[in-house]
């Protein structure tokens, strides 16, 4: 008999939860997150890499024409910074493409 009472109590609790779920207002709006969006951050990263590469190219050009105050070490360091930043950006792009492909291949 106590199992019957527990079962009835369980059913009443489930119905109460069902009524609560049905009467709760359904919110479909996505809350906005304060701060930068992912696309803004990615765009800024691409712009920084571009600026680094342009600065490296300008420094190399200045060294090639013999401009005073430009050392070979500065040119090489700038070139390596540009190279490393571009490689890092390429790796981020590859990871994003792979993640997108993984998501698109998931069964619905």
PDB file of N, CA and C in Angstrom:
ATOM      1  N   UNK A   1       0.815  -1.194   0.000  1.00  0.00           N
ATOM      2  CA  UNK A   1       0.000   0.000   0.000  1.00  0.00           C
ATOM      3  C   UNK A   1       0.859   1.258   0.000  1.00  0.00           C
ATOM      4  N   UNK A   2       1.998   1.232   0.703  1.00  0.00           N
ATOM      5  CA  UNK A   2       2.853   2.412   0.754  1.00  0.00           C
ATOM      6  C   UNK A   2       3.466   2.706  -0.611  1.00  0.00           C
ATOM      7  N   UNK A   3       3.681   1.660  -1.435  1.00  0.00           N
ATOM      8  CA  UNK A   3       4.188   1.892  -2.788  1.00  0.00           C
ATOM      9  C   UNK A   3       3.141   2.588  -3.639  1.00  0.00           C
ATOM     10  N   UNK A   4       1.889   2.262  -3.440  1.00  0.00           N
ATOM     11  CA  UNK A   4       0.806   2.925  -4.166  1.00  0.00           C
ATOM     12  C   UNK A   4       0.721   4.390  -3.799  1.00  0.00           C
ATOM     13  N   UNK A   5       0.920   4.698  -2.533  1.00  0.00           N
ATOM     14  CA  UNK A   5       0.880   6.092  -2.078  1.00  0.00           C
ATOM     15  C   UNK A   5       2.075   6.849  -2.642  1.00  0.00           C
ATOM     16  N   UNK A   6       3.246   6.221  -2.632  1.00  0.00           N
ATOM     17  CA  UNK A   6       4.434   6.866  -3.186  1.00  0.00           C
ATOM     18  C   UNK A   6       4.277   7.098  -4.684  1.00  0.00           C
ATOM     19  N   UNK A   7       3.686   6.131  -5.373  1.00  0.00           N
ATOM     20  CA  UNK A   7       3.463   6.273  -6.809  1.00  0.00           C
ATOM     21  C   UNK A   7       2.493   7.417  -7.093  1.00  0.00           C
ATOM     22  N   UNK A   8       1.415   7.492  -6.308  1.00  0.00           N
ATOM     23  CA  UNK A   8       0.446   8.581  -6.488  1.00  0.00           C
ATOM     24  C   UNK A   8       1.097   9.930  -6.206  1.00  0.00           C
ATOM     25  N   UNK A   9       1.911   9.974  -5.177  1.00  0.00           N
ATOM     26  CA  UNK A   9       2.601  11.226  -4.835  1.00  0.00           C
ATOM     27  C   UNK A   9       3.559  11.624  -5.963  1.00  0.00           C
ATOM     28  N   UNK A  10       4.256  10.643  -6.516  1.00  0.00           N
ATOM     29  CA  UNK A  10       5.173  10.889  -7.621  1.00  0.00           C
ATOM     30  C   UNK A  10       4.427  11.411  -8.845  1.00  0.00           C
ATOM     31  N   UNK A  11       3.284  10.810  -9.142  1.00  0.00           N
ATOM     32  CA  UNK A  11       2.478  11.258 -10.284  1.00  0.00           C
ATOM     33  C   UNK A  11       1.972  12.680 -10.074  1.00  0.00           C
ATOM     34  N   UNK A  12       1.553  13.007  -8.860  1.00  0.00           N
ATOM     35  CA  UNK A  12       1.092  14.364  -8.563  1.00  0.00           C
ATOM     36  C   UNK A  12       2.231  15.369  -8.733  1.00  0.00           C
ATOM     37  N   UNK A  13       3.419  15.001  -8.264  1.00  0.00           N
ATOM     38  CA  UNK A  13       4.578  15.882  -8.420  1.00  0.00           C
ATOM     39  C   UNK A  13       4.917  16.092  -9.893  1.00  0.00           C
ATOM     40  N   UNK A  14       4.848  15.021 -10.680  1.00  0.00           N
ATOM     41  CA  UNK A  14       5.145  15.136 -12.110  1.00  0.00           C
ATOM     42  C   UNK A  14       4.122  16.016 -12.820  1.00  0.00           C
ATOM     43  N   UNK A  15       2.853  15.878 -12.463  1.00  0.00           N
ATOM     44  CA  UNK A  15       1.815  16.725 -13.074  1.00  0.00           C
ATOM     45  C   UNK A  15       2.014  18.182 -12.689  1.00  0.00           C
ATOM     46  N   UNK A  16       2.405  18.415 -11.431  1.00  0.00           N
ATOM     47  CA  UNK A  16       2.653  19.785 -10.991  1.00  0.00           C
ATOM     48  C   UNK A  16       3.823  20.389 -11.768  1.00  0.00           C
ATOM     49  N   UNK A  17       4.872  19.601 -11.985  1.00  0.00           N
ATOM     50  CA  UNK A  17       6.012  20.085 -12.769  1.00  0.00           C
ATOM     51  C   UNK A  17       5.616  20.352 -14.209  1.00  0.00           C
ATOM     52  N   UNK A  18       4.768  19.491 -14.746  1.00  0.00           N
ATOM     53  CA  UNK A  18       4.307  19.670 -16.122  1.00  0.00           C
ATOM     54  C   UNK A  18       3.504  20.956 -16.248  1.00  0.00           C
ATOM     55  N   UNK A  19       2.630  21.220 -15.280  1.00  0.00           N
ATOM     56  CA  UNK A  19       1.826  22.445 -15.307  1.00  0.00           C
ATOM     57  C   UNK A  19       2.723  23.679 -15.172  1.00  0.00           C
ATOM     58  N   UNK A  20       3.727  23.594 -14.301  1.00  0.00           N
ATOM     59  CA  UNK A  20       4.659  24.710 -14.147  1.00  0.00           C
ATOM     60  C   UNK A  20       5.416  24.967 -15.443  1.00  0.00           C
ATOM     61  N   UNK A  21       5.833  23.905 -16.100  1.00  0.00           N
ATOM     62  CA  UNK A  21       6.583  24.052 -17.348  1.00  0.00           C
ATOM     63  C   UNK A  21       5.712  24.635 -18.447  1.00  0.00           C
ATOM     64  N   UNK A  22       4.457  24.245 -18.485  1.00  0.00           N
ATOM     65  CA  UNK A  22       3.556  24.738 -19.527  1.00  0.00           C
ATOM     66  C   UNK A  22       3.151  26.181 -19.281  1.00  0.00           C
ATOM     67  N   UNK A  23       3.054  26.579 -18.018  1.00  0.00           N
ATOM     68  CA  UNK A  23       2.607  27.934 -17.722  1.00  0.00           C
ATOM     69  C   UNK A  23       3.751  28.940 -17.703  1.00  0.00           C
ATOM     70  N   UNK A  24       4.970  28.465 -17.659  1.00  0.00           N
ATOM     71  CA  UNK A  24       6.122  29.372 -17.638  1.00  0.00           C
ATOM     72  C   UNK A  24       6.238  30.075 -18.982  1.00  0.00           C
ATOM     73  N   UNK A  25       6.497  31.382 -18.971  1.00  0.00           N
ATOM     74  CA  UNK A  25       6.663  32.094 -20.243  1.00  0.00           C
ATOM     75  C   UNK A  25       7.912  31.597 -20.959  1.00  0.00           C
ATOM     76  N   UNK A  26       7.765  31.378 -22.233  1.00  0.00           N
ATOM     77  CA  UNK A  26       8.882  30.879 -23.031  1.00  0.00           C
ATOM     78  C   UNK A  26       9.630  32.059 -23.625  1.00  0.00           C
ATOM     79  N   UNK A  27      10.874  32.154 -23.274  1.00  0.00           N
ATOM     80  CA  UNK A  27      11.716  33.232 -23.769  1.00  0.00           C
ATOM     81  C   UNK A  27      12.558  32.708 -24.922  1.00  0.00           C
ATOM     82  N   UNK A  28      12.391  33.318 -26.083  1.00  0.00           N
ATOM     83  CA  UNK A  28      13.182  32.908 -27.241  1.00  0.00           C
ATOM     84  C   UNK A  28      14.273  33.916 -27.562  1.00  0.00           C
ATOM     85  N   UNK A  29      14.272  35.023 -26.855  1.00  0.00           N
ATOM     86  CA  UNK A  29      15.273  36.053 -27.121  1.00  0.00           C
ATOM     87  C   UNK A  29      16.618  35.611 -26.559  1.00  0.00           C
ATOM     88  N   UNK A  30      17.658  35.868 -27.312  1.00  0.00           N
ATOM     89  CA  UNK A  30      19.014  35.555 -26.879  1.00  0.00           C
ATOM     90  C   UNK A  30      19.549  36.782 -26.153  1.00  0.00           C
ATOM     91  N   UNK A  31      20.006  36.613 -24.919  1.00  0.00           N
ATOM     92  CA  UNK A  31      20.515  37.778 -24.198  1.00  0.00           C
ATOM     93  C   UNK A  31      21.804  38.286 -24.830  1.00  0.00           C
ATOM     94  N   UNK A  32      21.940  39.582 -24.862  1.00  0.00           N
ATOM     95  CA  UNK A  32      23.144  40.183 -25.430  1.00  0.00           C
ATOM     96  C   UNK A  32      24.243  40.178 -24.387  1.00  0.00           C
ATOM     97  N   UNK A  33      25.420  39.863 -24.822  1.00  0.00           N
ATOM     98  CA  UNK A  33      26.573  39.818 -23.945  1.00  0.00           C
ATOM     99  C   UNK A  33      27.323  41.132 -24.091  1.00  0.00           C
ATOM    100  N   UNK A  34      27.662  41.708 -22.962  1.00  0.00           N
ATOM    101  CA  UNK A  34      28.407  42.959 -23.003  1.00  0.00           C
ATOM    102  C   UNK A  34      29.816  42.692 -23.504  1.00  0.00           C
ATOM    103  N   UNK A  35      30.361  43.615 -24.252  1.00  0.00           N
ATOM    104  CA  UNK A  35      31.716  43.458 -24.753  1.00  0.00           C
ATOM    105  C   UNK A  35      31.745  43.211 -26.239  1.00  0.00           C
ATOM    106  N   UNK A  36      32.912  42.857 -26.705  1.00  0.00           N
ATOM    107  CA  UNK A  36      33.117  42.639 -28.130  1.00  0.00           C
ATOM    108  C   UNK A  36      32.573  41.290 -28.561  1.00  0.00           C
ATOM    109  N   UNK A  37      32.124  41.235 -29.793  1.00  0.00           N
ATOM    110  CA  UNK A  37      31.684  39.963 -30.343  1.00  0.00           C
ATOM    111  C   UNK A  37      32.907  39.212 -30.875  1.00  0.00           C
ATOM    112  N   UNK A  38      32.708  37.946 -31.163  1.00  0.00           N
ATOM    113  CA  UNK A  38      33.805  37.121 -31.664  1.00  0.00           C
ATOM    114  C   UNK A  38      34.313  37.650 -32.998  1.00  0.00           C
ATOM    115  N   UNK A  39      33.386  38.064 -33.858  1.00  0.00           N
ATOM    116  CA  UNK A  39      33.809  38.561 -35.171  1.00  0.00           C
ATOM    117  C   UNK A  39      34.629  39.840 -35.034  1.00  0.00           C
ATOM    118  N   UNK A  40      34.278  40.691 -34.060  1.00  0.00           N
ATOM    119  CA  UNK A  40      35.073  41.902 -33.829  1.00  0.00           C
ATOM    120  C   UNK A  40      36.483  41.544 -33.366  1.00  0.00           C
ATOM    121  N   UNK A  41      36.568  40.594 -32.450  1.00  0.00           N
ATOM    122  CA  UNK A  41      37.876  40.191 -31.939  1.00  0.00           C
ATOM    123  C   UNK A  41      38.724  39.547 -33.030  1.00  0.00           C
ATOM    124  N   UNK A  42      38.101  38.727 -33.866  1.00  0.00           N
ATOM    125  CA  UNK A  42      38.833  38.090 -34.956  1.00  0.00           C
ATOM    126  C   UNK A  42      39.298  39.136 -35.967  1.00  0.00           C
ATOM    127  N   UNK A  43      38.446  40.101 -36.269  1.00  0.00           N
ATOM    128  CA  UNK A  43      38.823  41.179 -37.186  1.00  0.00           C
ATOM    129  C   UNK A  43      39.984  42.001 -36.653  1.00  0.00           C
ATOM    130  N   UNK A  44      39.967  42.271 -35.349  1.00  0.00           N
ATOM    131  CA  UNK A  44      41.067  43.013 -34.743  1.00  0.00           C
ATOM    132  C   UNK A  44      42.371  42.221 -34.821  1.00  0.00           C
ATOM    133  N   UNK A  45      42.288  40.921 -34.615  1.00  0.00           N
ATOM    134  CA  UNK A  45      43.490  40.081 -34.699  1.00  0.00           C
ATOM    135  C   UNK A  45      44.054  40.087 -36.109  1.00  0.00           C
ATOM    136  N   UNK A  46      43.178  39.991 -37.105  1.00  0.00           N
ATOM    137  CA  UNK A  46      43.632  40.021 -38.501  1.00  0.00           C
ATOM    138  C   UNK A  46      44.279  41.368 -38.807  1.00  0.00           C
ATOM    139  N   UNK A  47      43.681  42.445 -38.330  1.00  0.00           N
ATOM    140  CA  UNK A  47      44.250  43.779 -38.565  1.00  0.00           C
ATOM    141  C   UNK A  47      45.613  43.931 -37.894  1.00  0.00           C
ATOM    142  N   UNK A  48      45.775  43.376 -36.689  1.00  0.00           N
ATOM    143  CA  UNK A  48      47.071  43.456 -36.009  1.00  0.00           C
ATOM    144  C   UNK A  48      48.145  42.686 -36.773  1.00  0.00           C
ATOM    145  N   UNK A  49      47.788  41.522 -37.281  1.00  0.00           N
ATOM    146  CA  UNK A  49      48.745  40.742 -38.072  1.00  0.00           C
ATOM    147  C   UNK A  49      49.112  41.510 -39.334  1.00  0.00           C
ATOM    148  N   UNK A  50      48.129  42.111 -39.971  1.00  0.00           N
ATOM    149  CA  UNK A  50      48.383  42.907 -41.174  1.00  0.00           C
ATOM    150  C   UNK A  50      49.298  44.085 -40.860  1.00  0.00           C
ATOM    151  N   UNK A  51      49.040  44.774 -39.754  1.00  0.00           N
ATOM    152  CA  UNK A  51      49.887  45.906 -39.362  1.00  0.00           C
ATOM    153  C   UNK A  51      51.321  45.447 -39.091  1.00  0.00           C
ATOM    154  N   UNK A  52      51.472  44.296 -38.444  1.00  0.00           N
ATOM    155  CA  UNK A  52      52.804  43.758 -38.157  1.00  0.00           C
ATOM    156  C   UNK A  52      53.549  43.444 -39.449  1.00  0.00           C
ATOM    157  N   UNK A  53      52.850  42.858 -40.412  1.00  0.00           N
ATOM    158  CA  UNK A  53      53.486  42.530 -41.687  1.00  0.00           C
ATOM    159  C   UNK A  53      53.852  43.793 -42.463  1.00  0.00           C
ATOM    160  N   UNK A  54      52.989  44.789 -42.447  1.00  0.00           N
ATOM    161  CA  UNK A  54      53.298  46.037 -43.152  1.00  0.00           C
ATOM    162  C   UNK A  54      54.482  46.751 -42.512  1.00  0.00           C
ATOM    163  N   UNK A  55      54.530  46.759 -41.180  1.00  0.00           N
ATOM    164  CA  UNK A  55      55.658  47.389 -40.491  1.00  0.00           C
ATOM    165  C   UNK A  55      56.957  46.654 -40.811  1.00  0.00           C
ATOM    166  N   UNK A  56      56.895  45.341 -40.881  1.00  0.00           N
ATOM    167  CA  UNK A  56      58.080  44.551 -41.224  1.00  0.00           C
ATOM    168  C   UNK A  56      58.543  44.862 -42.642  1.00  0.00           C
ATOM    169  N   UNK A  57      57.604  44.962 -43.560  1.00  0.00           N
ATOM    170  CA  UNK A  57      57.945  45.273 -44.953  1.00  0.00           C
ATOM    171  C   UNK A  57      58.565  46.662 -45.067  1.00  0.00           C
ATOM    172  N   UNK A  58      58.005  47.630 -44.354  1.00  0.00           N
ATOM    173  CA  UNK A  58      58.544  48.994 -44.390  1.00  0.00           C
ATOM    174  C   UNK A  58      59.947  49.046 -43.799  1.00  0.00           C
ATOM    175  N   UNK A  59      60.153  48.308 -42.710  1.00  0.00           N
ATOM    176  CA  UNK A  59      61.474  48.289 -42.090  1.00  0.00           C
ATOM    177  C   UNK A  59      62.494  47.624 -43.007  1.00  0.00           C
ATOM    178  N   UNK A  60      62.095  46.552 -43.673  1.00  0.00           N
ATOM    179  CA  UNK A  60      62.995  45.875 -44.613  1.00  0.00           C
ATOM    180  C   UNK A  60      63.319  46.788 -45.791  1.00  0.00           C
ATOM    181  N   UNK A  61      62.332  47.510 -46.287  1.00  0.00           N
ATOM    182  CA  UNK A  61      62.569  48.446 -47.399  1.00  0.00           C
ATOM    183  C   UNK A  61      63.512  49.558 -46.982  1.00  0.00           C
ATOM    184  N   UNK A  62      63.334  50.058 -45.760  1.00  0.00           N
ATOM    185  CA  UNK A  62      64.220  51.109 -45.262  1.00  0.00           C
ATOM    186  C   UNK A  62      65.653  50.595 -45.141  1.00  0.00           C
ATOM    187  N   UNK A  63      65.825  49.373 -44.717  1.00  0.00           N
ATOM    188  CA  UNK A  63      67.160  48.795 -44.615  1.00  0.00           C
ATOM    189  C   UNK A  63      67.779  48.604 -45.995  1.00  0.00           C
ATOM    190  N   UNK A  64      66.957  48.161 -46.961  1.00  0.00           N
ATOM    191  CA  UNK A  64      67.461  47.909 -48.316  1.00  0.00           C
ATOM    192  C   UNK A  64      67.956  49.177 -48.998  1.00  0.00           C
ATOM    193  N   UNK A  65      67.295  50.297 -48.737  1.00  0.00           N
ATOM    194  CA  UNK A  65      67.735  51.544 -49.381  1.00  0.00           C
ATOM    195  C   UNK A  65      68.841  52.226 -48.586  1.00  0.00           C
ATOM    196  N   UNK A  66      69.218  51.642 -47.437  1.00  0.00           N
ATOM    197  CA  UNK A  66      70.340  52.168 -46.668  1.00  0.00           C
ATOM    198  C   UNK A  66      69.974  53.299 -45.734  1.00  0.00           C
ATOM    199  N   UNK A  67      68.750  53.360 -45.302  1.00  0.00           N
ATOM    200  CA  UNK A  67      68.317  54.413 -44.388  1.00  0.00           C
ATOM    201  C   UNK A  67      69.074  54.270 -43.068  1.00  0.00           C
ATOM    202  N   UNK A  68      69.541  55.393 -42.534  1.00  0.00           N
ATOM    203  CA  UNK A  68      70.319  55.348 -41.297  1.00  0.00           C
ATOM    204  C   UNK A  68      69.406  55.038 -40.105  1.00  0.00           C
ATOM    205  N   UNK A  69      69.963  54.347 -39.140  1.00  0.00           N
ATOM    206  CA  UNK A  69      69.208  54.012 -37.932  1.00  0.00           C
ATOM    207  C   UNK A  69      68.444  52.703 -38.018  1.00  0.00           C
ATOM    208  N   UNK A  70      68.536  52.013 -39.153  1.00  0.00           N
ATOM    209  CA  UNK A  70      67.843  50.731 -39.310  1.00  0.00           C
ATOM    210  C   UNK A  70      68.891  49.626 -39.306  1.00  0.00           C
ATOM    211  N   UNK A  71      68.851  48.794 -38.290  1.00  0.00           N
ATOM    212  CA  UNK A  71      69.803  47.692 -38.164  1.00  0.00           C
ATOM    213  C   UNK A  71      69.221  46.415 -38.753  1.00  0.00           C
ATOM    214  N   UNK A  72      70.126  45.543 -39.164  1.00  0.00           N
ATOM    215  CA  UNK A  72      69.706  44.248 -39.683  1.00  0.00           C
ATOM    216  C   UNK A  72      68.989  43.438 -38.601  1.00  0.00           C
ATOM    217  N   UNK A  73      69.441  43.572 -37.355  1.00  0.00           N
ATOM    218  CA  UNK A  73      68.786  42.824 -36.273  1.00  0.00           C
ATOM    219  C   UNK A  73      67.334  43.257 -36.100  1.00  0.00           C
ATOM    220  N   UNK A  74      67.083  44.564 -36.209  1.00  0.00           N
ATOM    221  CA  UNK A  74      65.704  45.057 -36.108  1.00  0.00           C
ATOM    222  C   UNK A  74      64.840  44.517 -37.243  1.00  0.00           C
ATOM    223  N   UNK A  75      65.424  44.463 -38.433  1.00  0.00           N
ATOM    224  CA  UNK A  75      64.691  43.948 -39.595  1.00  0.00           C
ATOM    225  C   UNK A  75      64.367  42.475 -39.397  1.00  0.00           C
ATOM    226  N   UNK A  76      65.336  41.708 -38.933  1.00  0.00           N
ATOM    227  CA  UNK A  76      65.119  40.275 -38.747  1.00  0.00           C
ATOM    228  C   UNK A  76      64.106  39.994 -37.637  1.00  0.00           C
ATOM    229  N   UNK A  77      64.195  40.736 -36.546  1.00  0.00           N
ATOM    230  CA  UNK A  77      63.232  40.555 -35.450  1.00  0.00           C
ATOM    231  C   UNK A  77      61.829  40.911 -35.914  1.00  0.00           C
ATOM    232  N   UNK A  78      61.707  42.010 -36.631  1.00  0.00           N
ATOM    233  CA  UNK A  78      60.403  42.416 -37.152  1.00  0.00           C
ATOM    234  C   UNK A  78      59.846  41.384 -38.126  1.00  0.00           C
ATOM    235  N   UNK A  79      60.721  40.858 -38.961  1.00  0.00           N
ATOM    236  CA  UNK A  79      60.302  39.836 -39.920  1.00  0.00           C
ATOM    237  C   UNK A  79      59.828  38.574 -39.210  1.00  0.00           C
ATOM    238  N   UNK A  80      60.531  38.158 -38.177  1.00  0.00           N
ATOM    239  CA  UNK A  80      60.136  36.958 -37.435  1.00  0.00           C
ATOM    240  C   UNK A  80      58.837  37.170 -36.661  1.00  0.00           C
ATOM    241  N   UNK A  81      58.653  38.373 -36.113  1.00  0.00           N
ATOM    242  CA  UNK A  81      57.387  38.675 -35.435  1.00  0.00           C
ATOM    243  C   UNK A  81      56.220  38.576 -36.410  1.00  0.00           C
ATOM    244  N   UNK A  82      56.409  39.117 -37.595  1.00  0.00           N
ATOM    245  CA  UNK A  82      55.355  39.055 -38.611  1.00  0.00           C
ATOM    246  C   UNK A  82      55.090  37.614 -39.019  1.00  0.00           C
ATOM    247  N   UNK A  83      56.144  36.844 -39.164  1.00  0.00           N
ATOM    248  CA  UNK A  83      55.992  35.446 -39.559  1.00  0.00           C
ATOM    249  C   UNK A  83      55.268  34.634 -38.489  1.00  0.00           C
ATOM    250  N   UNK A  84      55.661  34.802 -37.243  1.00  0.00           N
ATOM    251  CA  UNK A  84      55.033  34.059 -36.147  1.00  0.00           C
ATOM    252  C   UNK A  84      53.567  34.460 -35.992  1.00  0.00           C
ATOM    253  N   UNK A  85      53.278  35.751 -36.089  1.00  0.00           N
ATOM    254  CA  UNK A  85      51.884  36.183 -35.948  1.00  0.00           C
ATOM    255  C   UNK A  85      51.026  35.652 -37.091  1.00  0.00           C
ATOM    256  N   UNK A  86      51.581  35.601 -38.297  1.00  0.00           N
ATOM    257  CA  UNK A  86      50.822  35.060 -39.427  1.00  0.00           C
ATOM    258  C   UNK A  86      50.595  33.558 -39.265  1.00  0.00           C
ATOM    259  N   UNK A  87      51.606  32.845 -38.802  1.00  0.00           N
ATOM    260  CA  UNK A  87      51.448  31.405 -38.573  1.00  0.00           C
ATOM    261  C   UNK A  87      50.400  31.129 -37.496  1.00  0.00           C
ATOM    262  N   UNK A  88      50.393  31.938 -36.443  1.00  0.00           N
ATOM    263  CA  UNK A  88      49.395  31.764 -35.384  1.00  0.00           C
ATOM    264  C   UNK A  88      47.994  32.029 -35.919  1.00  0.00           C
ATOM    265  N   UNK A  89      47.853  33.073 -36.729  1.00  0.00           N
ATOM    266  CA  UNK A  89      46.553  33.381 -37.326  1.00  0.00           C
ATOM    267  C   UNK A  89      46.105  32.257 -38.252  1.00  0.00           C
ATOM    268  N   UNK A  90      47.031  31.684 -38.987  1.00  0.00           N
ATOM    269  CA  UNK A  90      46.702  30.562 -39.869  1.00  0.00           C
ATOM    270  C   UNK A  90      46.224  29.361 -39.060  1.00  0.00           C
ATOM    271  N   UNK A  91      46.867  29.099 -37.937  1.00  0.00           N
ATOM    272  CA  UNK A  91      46.441  27.984 -37.087  1.00  0.00           C
ATOM    273  C   UNK A  91      45.048  28.219 -36.504  1.00  0.00           C
ATOM    274  N   UNK A  92      44.770  29.447 -36.106  1.00  0.00           N
ATOM    275  CA  UNK A  92      43.432  29.773 -35.598  1.00  0.00           C
ATOM    276  C   UNK A  92      42.398  29.561 -36.691  1.00  0.00           C
ATOM    277  N   UNK A  93      42.711  30.014 -37.896  1.00  0.00           N
ATOM    278  CA  UNK A  93      41.797  29.810 -39.020  1.00  0.00           C
ATOM    279  C   UNK A  93      41.557  28.331 -39.271  1.00  0.00           C
ATOM    280  N   UNK A  94      42.623  27.537 -39.250  1.00  0.00           N
ATOM    281  CA  UNK A  94      42.488  26.101 -39.478  1.00  0.00           C
ATOM    282  C   UNK A  94      41.612  25.445 -38.415  1.00  0.00           C
ATOM    283  N   UNK A  95      41.784  25.849 -37.163  1.00  0.00           N
ATOM    284  CA  UNK A  95      40.965  25.293 -36.083  1.00  0.00           C
ATOM    285  C   UNK A  95      39.503  25.690 -36.251  1.00  0.00           C
ATOM    286  N   UNK A  96      39.248  26.919 -36.659  1.00  0.00           N
ATOM    287  CA  UNK A  96      37.869  27.366 -36.882  1.00  0.00           C
ATOM    288  C   UNK A  96      37.221  26.596 -38.023  1.00  0.00           C
ATOM    289  N   UNK A  97      37.949  26.409 -39.097  1.00  0.00           N
ATOM    290  CA  UNK A  97      37.408  25.666 -40.242  1.00  0.00           C
ATOM    291  C   UNK A  97      37.128  24.223 -39.840  1.00  0.00           C
ATOM    292  N   UNK A  98      38.036  23.617 -39.090  1.00  0.00           N
ATOM    293  CA  UNK A  98      37.838  22.238 -38.646  1.00  0.00           C
ATOM    294  C   UNK A  98      36.627  22.129 -37.722  1.00  0.00           C
ATOM    295  N   UNK A  99      36.477  23.086 -36.808  1.00  0.00           N
ATOM    296  CA  UNK A  99      35.323  23.066 -35.906  1.00  0.00           C
ATOM    297  C   UNK A  99      34.026  23.229 -36.684  1.00  0.00           C
ATOM    298  N   UNK A 100      34.019  24.118 -37.670  1.00  0.00           N
ATOM    299  CA  UNK A 100      32.830  24.307 -38.508  1.00  0.00           C
ATOM    300  C   UNK A 100      32.495  23.025 -39.261  1.00  0.00           C
ATOM    301  N   UNK A 101      33.503  22.377 -39.822  1.00  0.00           N
ATOM    302  CA  UNK A 101      33.266  21.135 -40.556  1.00  0.00           C
ATOM    303  C   UNK A 101      32.752  20.034 -39.630  1.00  0.00           C
ATOM    304  N   UNK A 102      33.295  19.968 -38.416  1.00  0.00           N
ATOM    305  CA  UNK A 102      32.822  18.969 -37.460  1.00  0.00           C
ATOM    306  C   UNK A 102      31.356  19.195 -37.105  1.00  0.00           C
ATOM    307  N   UNK A 103      30.988  20.448 -36.907  1.00  0.00           N
ATOM    308  CA  UNK A 103      29.597  20.767 -36.574  1.00  0.00           C
ATOM    309  C   UNK A 103      28.678  20.450 -37.742  1.00  0.00           C
ATOM    310  N   UNK A 104      29.105  20.778 -38.949  1.00  0.00           N
ATOM    311  CA  UNK A 104      28.257  20.534 -40.117  1.00  0.00           C
ATOM    312  C   UNK A 104      28.089  19.044 -40.405  1.00  0.00           C
ATOM    313  N   UNK A 105      29.023  18.215 -39.974  1.00  0.00           N
ATOM    314  CA  UNK A 105      28.933  16.778 -40.214  1.00  0.00           C
ATOM    315  C   UNK A 105      28.157  16.042 -39.127  1.00  0.00           C
ATOM    316  N   UNK A 106      27.762  16.761 -38.073  1.00  0.00           N
ATOM    317  CA  UNK A 106      26.994  16.117 -37.006  1.00  0.00           C
ATOM    318  C   UNK A 106      25.594  15.781 -37.505  1.00  0.00           C
ATOM    319  N   UNK A 107      25.105  14.614 -37.135  1.00  0.00           N
ATOM    320  CA  UNK A 107      23.733  14.278 -37.536  1.00  0.00           C
ATOM    321  C   UNK A 107      22.730  15.121 -36.754  1.00  0.00           C
ATOM    322  N   UNK A 108      21.665  15.475 -37.417  1.00  0.00           N
ATOM    323  CA  UNK A 108      20.647  16.313 -36.772  1.00  0.00           C
ATOM    324  C   UNK A 108      19.580  15.473 -36.144  1.00  0.00           C
TER     325      UNK A 108
END
